[in-house]
Amino acid sequence: MLAGATLAGAIEAGHAVELLCLTDHVEGLIRDCRSCRRADGDCSIDDGLRELLTGRLLAADAWVYATPLYWYGISSILKAFIDRLFCYTAKSYPQSDAVIAALMHKRSAALISAEESEVGAYLPTLQHLQELSRYLHHDFVGAVVGVGNRRGEVEADANRPLDAAYQLGLRLFESRVTDYQLDTDRPSSVWSSWSGLRS
């Protein structure tokens, strides 16, 4: 439901979007490329990940990760997908340079459904996806957490996560992303249109 709301917001903003279920494409877990890579350099795990990655995901301008909170972390299928990016970015893969170039400089966001509302329950998952985005040179534009356990229960969350997910999709490419450091040259106000005057 969170992914669907984000999708609707992105469509409203005029973006071409696609909702993908990793279980339709990823079956195998990462192994040791030094022992299982084919002689031609291709990955020997013969499921749909290569086609998904090279045929669809690398061309995308943004990735939005959606996961339930399982044992205080991301789902195993999302973890398998992330782990297996290595199969296509390792130098032993013949097209790794092209994959790396296409993999970087996107926008990203996270959607998490969790039974617990305590921030510490989902914070490590959020940090994982944010750090992954940093590593890939993605601009991490935000996250939405919906609290619920039964299917569809996030709709009852008083924090209105479905509305927040819609807004995330709507502003996916307009959201301001900053990561200041001590020596960053920056203006004295974040929003140039803000005057600080109140009527």
Foldseek 3Di string as FASTA:
>chain_A
DLVVLLVLLLVVLPDDDDDDDLVQWDDDADDDCVPQQDPLLAGPPPTRLVCCLVVPVLQDQEEEAEAEQDPLAGDPSVVRSVVCVCSQCPPSRPCNVVSLVSQANHAYEYEYEYQDPPCSSHVVHRVVVVVVNVVRNHQYQYYFYFHDDDPPCSCVVPVRRSVVSSVCSNCVPPRDGDDDDPPDDDDPDDDPVDDPDDD
